[in-house]
Amino acid sequence: MFKFLVLIAIGFVVLALFRASQRTLGRPPSSTRENKVEDMVKCAHCGVNLPRSEAIYSGRDFFCTLEHKQLGRK
């Protein structure tokens, strides 16, 4: 009876490993995924660096918040 339970446990482990390998086959390897690199800009008021897409552009300067935009360049 004990051997039968061990065989069932081994079967579940093999099944779990098989399912895990099937899930990873559907994903592209991490080295082929496109890593998007974004330019960093510096806030003209406080000097903090942030991605260009999150910055607030005003004239020739970038700002991190609307408050810093209103306060202007330091």
PDB file of N, CA and C in Angstrom:
ATOM      1  N   MET A   1       0.827  -1.197   0.000  1.00  0.00           N
ATOM      2  CA  MET A   1       0.000   0.000   0.000  1.00  0.00           C
ATOM      3  C   MET A   1       0.874   1.266   0.000  1.00  0.00           C
ATOM      4  N   PHE A   2       1.966   1.247   0.766  1.00  0.00           N
ATOM      5  CA  PHE A   2       2.858   2.396   0.838  1.00  0.00           C
ATOM      6  C   PHE A   2       3.493   2.673  -0.529  1.00  0.00           C
ATOM      7  N   LYS A   3       3.873   1.631  -1.256  1.00  0.00           N
ATOM      8  CA  LYS A   3       4.467   1.791  -2.579  1.00  0.00           C
ATOM      9  C   LYS A   3       3.478   2.445  -3.538  1.00  0.00           C
ATOM     10  N   PHE A   4       2.223   2.102  -3.419  1.00  0.00           N
ATOM     11  CA  PHE A   4       1.183   2.685  -4.263  1.00  0.00           C
ATOM     12  C   PHE A   4       1.054   4.191  -4.003  1.00  0.00           C
ATOM     13  N   LEU A   5       1.094   4.616  -2.743  1.00  0.00           N
ATOM     14  CA  LEU A   5       1.009   6.036  -2.396  1.00  0.00           C
ATOM     15  C   LEU A   5       2.240   6.800  -2.886  1.00  0.00           C
ATOM     16  N   VAL A   6       3.415   6.160  -2.802  1.00  0.00           N
ATOM     17  CA  VAL A   6       4.642   6.797  -3.291  1.00  0.00           C
ATOM     18  C   VAL A   6       4.563   6.984  -4.806  1.00  0.00           C
ATOM     19  N   LEU A   7       4.058   5.994  -5.533  1.00  0.00           N
ATOM     20  CA  LEU A   7       3.915   6.111  -6.981  1.00  0.00           C
ATOM     21  C   LEU A   7       2.941   7.227  -7.360  1.00  0.00           C
ATOM     22  N   ILE A   8       1.853   7.363  -6.620  1.00  0.00           N
ATOM     23  CA  ILE A   8       0.896   8.449  -6.876  1.00  0.00           C
ATOM     24  C   ILE A   8       1.557   9.805  -6.624  1.00  0.00           C
ATOM     25  N   ALA A   9       2.329   9.931  -5.538  1.00  0.00           N
ATOM     26  CA  ALA A   9       3.017  11.185  -5.228  1.00  0.00           C
ATOM     27  C   ALA A   9       4.027  11.525  -6.323  1.00  0.00           C
ATOM     28  N   ILE A  10       4.773  10.540  -6.788  1.00  0.00           N
ATOM     29  CA  ILE A  10       5.743  10.772  -7.865  1.00  0.00           C
ATOM     30  C   ILE A  10       5.009  11.202  -9.135  1.00  0.00           C
ATOM     31  N   GLY A  11       3.868  10.605  -9.403  1.00  0.00           N
ATOM     32  CA  GLY A  11       3.072  10.982 -10.570  1.00  0.00           C
ATOM     33  C   GLY A  11       2.623  12.434 -10.509  1.00  0.00           C
ATOM     34  N   PHE A  12       2.201  12.884  -9.326  1.00  0.00           N
ATOM     35  CA  PHE A  12       1.788  14.280  -9.176  1.00  0.00           C
ATOM     36  C   PHE A  12       2.965  15.229  -9.382  1.00  0.00           C
ATOM     37  N   VAL A  13       4.141  14.860  -8.881  1.00  0.00           N
ATOM     38  CA  VAL A  13       5.328  15.709  -9.047  1.00  0.00           C
ATOM     39  C   VAL A  13       5.702  15.798 -10.528  1.00  0.00           C
ATOM     40  N   VAL A  14       5.682  14.663 -11.221  1.00  0.00           N
ATOM     41  CA  VAL A  14       5.997  14.660 -12.644  1.00  0.00           C
ATOM     42  C   VAL A  14       4.984  15.491 -13.424  1.00  0.00           C
ATOM     43  N   LEU A  15       3.729  15.359 -13.093  1.00  0.00           N
ATOM     44  CA  LEU A  15       2.689  16.143 -13.761  1.00  0.00           C
ATOM     45  C   LEU A  15       2.879  17.642 -13.518  1.00  0.00           C
ATOM     46  N   ALA A  16       3.218  18.020 -12.287  1.00  0.00           N
ATOM     47  CA  ALA A  16       3.441  19.431 -11.970  1.00  0.00           C
ATOM     48  C   ALA A  16       4.638  19.977 -12.740  1.00  0.00           C
ATOM     49  N   LEU A  17       5.708  19.192 -12.809  1.00  0.00           N
ATOM     50  CA  LEU A  17       6.887  19.629 -13.563  1.00  0.00           C
ATOM     51  C   LEU A  17       6.578  19.759 -15.055  1.00  0.00           C
ATOM     52  N   PHE A  18       5.803  18.847 -15.586  1.00  0.00           N
ATOM     53  CA  PHE A  18       5.423  18.899 -16.997  1.00  0.00           C
ATOM     54  C   PHE A  18       4.593  20.146 -17.290  1.00  0.00           C
ATOM     55  N   ARG A  19       3.636  20.438 -16.422  1.00  0.00           N
ATOM     56  CA  ARG A  19       2.803  21.633 -16.633  1.00  0.00           C
ATOM     57  C   ARG A  19       3.634  22.906 -16.534  1.00  0.00           C
ATOM     58  N   ALA A  20       4.569  22.947 -15.599  1.00  0.00           N
ATOM     59  CA  ALA A  20       5.421  24.129 -15.451  1.00  0.00           C
ATOM     60  C   ALA A  20       6.288  24.325 -16.696  1.00  0.00           C
ATOM     61  N   SER A  21       6.802  23.245 -17.240  1.00  0.00           N
ATOM     62  CA  SER A  21       7.629  23.375 -18.436  1.00  0.00           C
ATOM     63  C   SER A  21       6.790  23.809 -19.636  1.00  0.00           C
ATOM     64  N   GLN A  22       5.542  23.382 -19.717  1.00  0.00           N
ATOM     65  CA  GLN A  22       4.658  23.792 -20.804  1.00  0.00           C
ATOM     66  C   GLN A  22       4.346  25.281 -20.723  1.00  0.00           C
ATOM     67  N   ARG A  23       4.197  25.811 -19.504  1.00  0.00           N
ATOM     68  CA  ARG A  23       3.918  27.245 -19.338  1.00  0.00           C
ATOM     69  C   ARG A  23       5.112  28.083 -19.761  1.00  0.00           C
ATOM     70  N   THR A  24       6.321  27.629 -19.450  1.00  0.00           N
ATOM     71  CA  THR A  24       7.496  28.422 -19.808  1.00  0.00           C
ATOM     72  C   THR A  24       7.801  28.336 -21.290  1.00  0.00           C
ATOM     73  N   LEU A  25       7.354  27.300 -21.975  1.00  0.00           N
ATOM     74  CA  LEU A  25       7.582  27.202 -23.413  1.00  0.00           C
ATOM     75  C   LEU A  25       6.793  28.247 -24.181  1.00  0.00           C
ATOM     76  N   GLY A  26       5.655  28.669 -23.666  1.00  0.00           N
ATOM     77  CA  GLY A  26       4.817  29.651 -24.332  1.00  0.00           C
ATOM     78  C   GLY A  26       5.354  31.062 -24.240  1.00  0.00           C
ATOM     79  N   ARG A  27       6.259  31.323 -23.317  1.00  0.00           N
ATOM     80  CA  ARG A  27       6.807  32.664 -23.133  1.00  0.00           C
ATOM     81  C   ARG A  27       8.109  32.810 -23.901  1.00  0.00           C
ATOM     82  N   PRO A  28       8.347  33.987 -24.444  1.00  0.00           N
ATOM     83  CA  PRO A  28       9.655  34.204 -25.070  1.00  0.00           C
ATOM     84  C   PRO A  28      10.721  34.319 -23.985  1.00  0.00           C
ATOM     85  N   PRO A  29      11.936  33.909 -24.273  1.00  0.00           N
ATOM     86  CA  PRO A  29      13.009  34.047 -23.285  1.00  0.00           C
ATOM     87  C   PRO A  29      13.214  35.509 -22.918  1.00  0.00           C
ATOM     88  N   SER A  30      13.664  35.750 -21.704  1.00  0.00           N
ATOM     89  CA  SER A  30      13.805  37.118 -21.226  1.00  0.00           C
ATOM     90  C   SER A  30      14.830  37.899 -22.037  1.00  0.00           C
ATOM     91  N   SER A  31      15.797  37.218 -22.652  1.00  0.00           N
ATOM     92  CA  SER A  31      16.801  37.926 -23.434  1.00  0.00           C
ATOM     93  C   SER A  31      16.228  38.454 -24.752  1.00  0.00           C
ATOM     94  N   THR A  32      15.143  37.853 -25.238  1.00  0.00           N
ATOM     95  CA  THR A  32      14.565  38.321 -26.501  1.00  0.00           C
ATOM     96  C   THR A  32      13.474  39.356 -26.284  1.00  0.00           C
ATOM     97  N   ARG A  33      13.068  39.541 -25.051  1.00  0.00           N
ATOM     98  CA  ARG A  33      12.065  40.573 -24.784  1.00  0.00           C
ATOM     99  C   ARG A  33      12.679  41.932 -25.031  1.00  0.00           C
ATOM    100  N   GLU A  34      11.861  42.819 -25.546  1.00  0.00           N
ATOM    101  CA  GLU A  34      12.353  44.152 -25.868  1.00  0.00           C
ATOM    102  C   GLU A  34      12.380  44.989 -24.593  1.00  0.00           C
ATOM    103  N   ASN A  35      13.561  45.455 -24.251  1.00  0.00           N
ATOM    104  CA  ASN A  35      13.704  46.347 -23.105  1.00  0.00           C
ATOM    105  C   ASN A  35      13.626  47.773 -23.612  1.00  0.00           C
ATOM    106  N   LYS A  36      12.639  48.483 -23.155  1.00  0.00           N
ATOM    107  CA  LYS A  36      12.474  49.861 -23.604  1.00  0.00           C
ATOM    108  C   LYS A  36      13.308  50.769 -22.711  1.00  0.00           C
ATOM    109  N   VAL A  37      14.198  51.486 -23.326  1.00  0.00           N
ATOM    110  CA  VAL A  37      15.045  52.422 -22.612  1.00  0.00           C
ATOM    111  C   VAL A  37      14.493  53.808 -22.876  1.00  0.00           C
ATOM    112  N   GLU A  38      14.336  54.560 -21.806  1.00  0.00           N
ATOM    113  CA  GLU A  38      13.752  55.888 -21.939  1.00  0.00           C
ATOM    114  C   GLU A  38      14.744  56.930 -21.446  1.00  0.00           C
ATOM    115  N   ASP A  39      14.755  58.066 -22.119  1.00  0.00           N
ATOM    116  CA  ASP A  39      15.639  59.159 -21.719  1.00  0.00           C
ATOM    117  C   ASP A  39      15.217  59.703 -20.367  1.00  0.00           C
ATOM    118  N   MET A  40      16.205  60.053 -19.569  1.00  0.00           N
ATOM    119  CA  MET A  40      15.952  60.667 -18.277  1.00  0.00           C
ATOM    120  C   MET A  40      16.222  62.163 -18.399  1.00  0.00           C
ATOM    121  N   VAL A  41      15.399  62.959 -17.731  1.00  0.00           N
ATOM    122  CA  VAL A  41      15.582  64.411 -17.732  1.00  0.00           C
ATOM    123  C   VAL A  41      15.645  64.885 -16.290  1.00  0.00           C
ATOM    124  N   LYS A  42      16.188  66.073 -16.104  1.00  0.00           N
ATOM    125  CA  LYS A  42      16.364  66.625 -14.765  1.00  0.00           C
ATOM    126  C   LYS A  42      15.377  67.767 -14.552  1.00  0.00           C
ATOM    127  N   CYS A  43      14.715  67.755 -13.411  1.00  0.00           N
ATOM    128  CA  CYS A  43      13.801  68.841 -13.059  1.00  0.00           C
ATOM    129  C   CYS A  43      14.607  70.132 -12.928  1.00  0.00           C
ATOM    130  N   ALA A  44      14.139  71.191 -13.582  1.00  0.00           N
ATOM    131  CA  ALA A  44      14.847  72.465 -13.566  1.00  0.00           C
ATOM    132  C   ALA A  44      14.759  73.143 -12.202  1.00  0.00           C
ATOM    133  N   HIS A  45      13.825  72.716 -11.352  1.00  0.00           N
ATOM    134  CA  HIS A  45      13.680  73.349 -10.046  1.00  0.00           C
ATOM    135  C   HIS A  45      14.466  72.619  -8.961  1.00  0.00           C
ATOM    136  N   CYS A  46      14.230  71.295  -8.826  1.00  0.00           N
ATOM    137  CA  CYS A  46      14.854  70.561  -7.714  1.00  0.00           C
ATOM    138  C   CYS A  46      16.006  69.667  -8.145  1.00  0.00           C
ATOM    139  N   GLY A  47      16.129  69.405  -9.438  1.00  0.00           N
ATOM    140  CA  GLY A  47      17.243  68.612  -9.924  1.00  0.00           C
ATOM    141  C   GLY A  47      17.037  67.107  -9.902  1.00  0.00           C
ATOM    142  N   VAL A  48      15.840  66.665  -9.545  1.00  0.00           N
ATOM    143  CA  VAL A  48      15.582  65.226  -9.516  1.00  0.00           C
ATOM    144  C   VAL A  48      15.495  64.690 -10.940  1.00  0.00           C
ATOM    145  N   ASN A  49      16.007  63.479 -11.162  1.00  0.00           N
ATOM    146  CA  ASN A  49      15.942  62.849 -12.482  1.00  0.00           C
ATOM    147  C   ASN A  49      14.679  62.012 -12.585  1.00  0.00           C
ATOM    148  N   LEU A  50      14.017  62.085 -13.744  1.00  0.00           N
ATOM    149  CA  LEU A  50      12.809  61.310 -13.964  1.00  0.00           C
ATOM    150  C   LEU A  50      12.689  60.991 -15.449  1.00  0.00           C
ATOM    151  N   PRO A  51      11.920  59.944 -15.798  1.00  0.00           N
ATOM    152  CA  PRO A  51      11.741  59.601 -17.211  1.00  0.00           C
ATOM    153  C   PRO A  51      11.063  60.737 -17.968  1.00  0.00           C
ATOM    154  N   ARG A  52      11.448  60.912 -19.208  1.00  0.00           N
ATOM    155  CA  ARG A  52      10.899  61.997 -20.026  1.00  0.00           C
ATOM    156  C   ARG A  52       9.383  61.915 -20.129  1.00  0.00           C
ATOM    157  N   SER A  53       8.830  60.692 -20.174  1.00  0.00           N
ATOM    158  CA  SER A  53       7.382  60.549 -20.326  1.00  0.00           C
ATOM    159  C   SER A  53       6.621  61.014 -19.089  1.00  0.00           C
ATOM    160  N   GLU A  54       7.266  61.055 -17.932  1.00  0.00           N
ATOM    161  CA  GLU A  54       6.605  61.494 -16.706  1.00  0.00           C
ATOM    162  C   GLU A  54       6.866  62.963 -16.398  1.00  0.00           C
ATOM    163  N   ALA A  55       7.757  63.588 -17.135  1.00  0.00           N
ATOM    164  CA  ALA A  55       8.122  64.973 -16.866  1.00  0.00           C
ATOM    165  C   ALA A  55       7.115  65.933 -17.485  1.00  0.00           C
ATOM    166  N   ILE A  56       7.061  67.113 -16.915  1.00  0.00           N
ATOM    167  CA  ILE A  56       6.218  68.185 -17.431  1.00  0.00           C
ATOM    168  C   ILE A  56       7.137  69.152 -18.174  1.00  0.00           C
ATOM    169  N   TYR A  57       6.875  69.330 -19.459  1.00  0.00           N
ATOM    170  CA  TYR A  57       7.727  70.169 -20.296  1.00  0.00           C
ATOM    171  C   TYR A  57       7.134  71.559 -20.390  1.00  0.00           C
ATOM    172  N   SER A  58       7.976  72.535 -20.169  1.00  0.00           N
ATOM    173  CA  SER A  58       7.536  73.921 -20.264  1.00  0.00           C
ATOM    174  C   SER A  58       8.647  74.735 -20.915  1.00  0.00           C
ATOM    175  N   GLY A  59       8.382  75.153 -22.137  1.00  0.00           N
ATOM    176  CA  GLY A  59       9.400  75.937 -22.850  1.00  0.00           C
ATOM    177  C   GLY A  59      10.605  75.085 -23.140  1.00  0.00           C
ATOM    178  N   ARG A  60      11.698  75.372 -22.475  1.00  0.00           N
ATOM    179  CA  ARG A  60      12.914  74.588 -22.681  1.00  0.00           C
ATOM    180  C   ARG A  60      13.269  73.731 -21.474  1.00  0.00           C
ATOM    181  N   ASP A  61      12.451  73.784 -20.426  1.00  0.00           N
ATOM    182  CA  ASP A  61      12.758  73.087 -19.173  1.00  0.00           C
ATOM    183  C   ASP A  61      11.787  71.949 -18.895  1.00  0.00           C
ATOM    184  N   PHE A  62      12.247  70.994 -18.118  1.00  0.00           N
ATOM    185  CA  PHE A  62      11.425  69.892 -17.634  1.00  0.00           C
ATOM    186  C   PHE A  62      11.242  70.057 -16.138  1.00  0.00           C
ATOM    187  N   PHE A  63      10.050  69.677 -15.661  1.00  0.00           N
ATOM    188  CA  PHE A  63       9.747  69.750 -14.232  1.00  0.00           C
ATOM    189  C   PHE A  63       9.129  68.445 -13.781  1.00  0.00           C
ATOM    190  N   CYS A  64       9.297  68.119 -12.479  1.00  0.00           N
ATOM    191  CA  CYS A  64       8.770  66.862 -11.965  1.00  0.00           C
ATOM    192  C   CYS A  64       7.326  66.999 -11.496  1.00  0.00           C
ATOM    193  N   THR A  65       6.898  68.190 -11.102  1.00  0.00           N
ATOM    194  CA  THR A  65       5.517  68.408 -10.649  1.00  0.00           C
ATOM    195  C   THR A  65       5.009  69.747 -11.178  1.00  0.00           C
ATOM    196  N   LEU A  66       3.692  69.918 -11.121  1.00  0.00           N
ATOM    197  CA  LEU A  66       3.106  71.205 -11.521  1.00  0.00           C
ATOM    198  C   LEU A  66       3.556  72.315 -10.587  1.00  0.00           C
ATOM    199  N   GLU A  67       3.725  72.000  -9.295  1.00  0.00           N
ATOM    200  CA  GLU A  67       4.171  72.997  -8.340  1.00  0.00           C
ATOM    201  C   GLU A  67       5.560  73.527  -8.710  1.00  0.00           C
ATOM    202  N   HIS A  68       6.459  72.632  -9.091  1.00  0.00           N
ATOM    203  CA  HIS A  68       7.789  73.067  -9.483  1.00  0.00           C
ATOM    204  C   HIS A  68       7.748  73.842 -10.793  1.00  0.00           C
ATOM    205  N   LYS A  69       6.807  73.504 -11.657  1.00  0.00           N
ATOM    206  CA  LYS A  69       6.657  74.263 -12.899  1.00  0.00           C
ATOM    207  C   LYS A  69       6.239  75.696 -12.579  1.00  0.00           C
ATOM    208  N   GLN A  70       5.320  75.846 -11.621  1.00  0.00           N
ATOM    209  CA  GLN A  70       4.854  77.184 -11.247  1.00  0.00           C
ATOM    210  C   GLN A  70       5.950  77.972 -10.544  1.00  0.00           C
ATOM    211  N   LEU A  71       6.782  77.292  -9.742  1.00  0.00           N
ATOM    212  CA  LEU A  71       7.867  77.976  -9.042  1.00  0.00           C
ATOM    213  C   LEU A  71       8.979  78.375 -10.005  1.00  0.00           C
ATOM    214  N   GLY A  72       9.094  77.641 -11.098  1.00  0.00           N
ATOM    215  CA  GLY A  72      10.085  77.989 -12.120  1.00  0.00           C
ATOM    216  C   GLY A  72      11.463  77.440 -11.840  1.00  0.00           C
ATOM    217  N   ARG A  73      12.363  77.859 -12.681  1.00  0.00           N
ATOM    218  CA  ARG A  73      13.763  77.402 -12.623  1.00  0.00           C
ATOM    219  C   ARG A  73      14.458  77.991 -11.420  1.00  0.00           C
ATOM    220  N   LYS A  74      15.290  77.199 -10.766  1.00  0.00           N
ATOM    221  CA  LYS A  74      16.072  77.681  -9.620  1.00  0.00           C
ATOM    222  C   LYS A  74      17.389  78.249 -10.065  1.00  0.00           C
TER     223      LYS A  74
END
